[in-house]
């Protein structure tokens, strides 16, 4: 059974970080971001927390619904898409964000501000759409 408290706690983390990014970094240019180490690190960590919370939500739903278990974080979203929990198009976009999370963790020295700001400007709406589709799915499970 899906635990709404777990989902809501993860959504709180996502929303807090989205607000932080939009208020502090959305307007910045990559060159400006690179000049301030503290801001650059804060933004990368906020993106990491957002993606990690999305992965936690996906993992919780997969386990709760006894869906296909996968090892790679990027594939978790594909499982949700394949099972109609989120759209397949969104699943593909979120899979790319999960790969970005892995890039942040394992190849951190190669991450540049251009990539980070591209994620900020092009992919944060996908996270909002993910939350909306998950909420809709949970409501549909109540019947």
Foldseek 3Di string as FASTA:
>chain_A
DQDVVLLVVLVVLLVVLLVVCVVPPLPDDQVVCVVDPVSVVSLLVSLLSLLVSLLVNLVRVCVVVVWDDDDQSLCSLCRCCVVPLAPNVLSNLSSVSSVVSVCCVPVVVPDGSVVSNCCSNPPSVSSVSSSVSNVVSVVVVVD
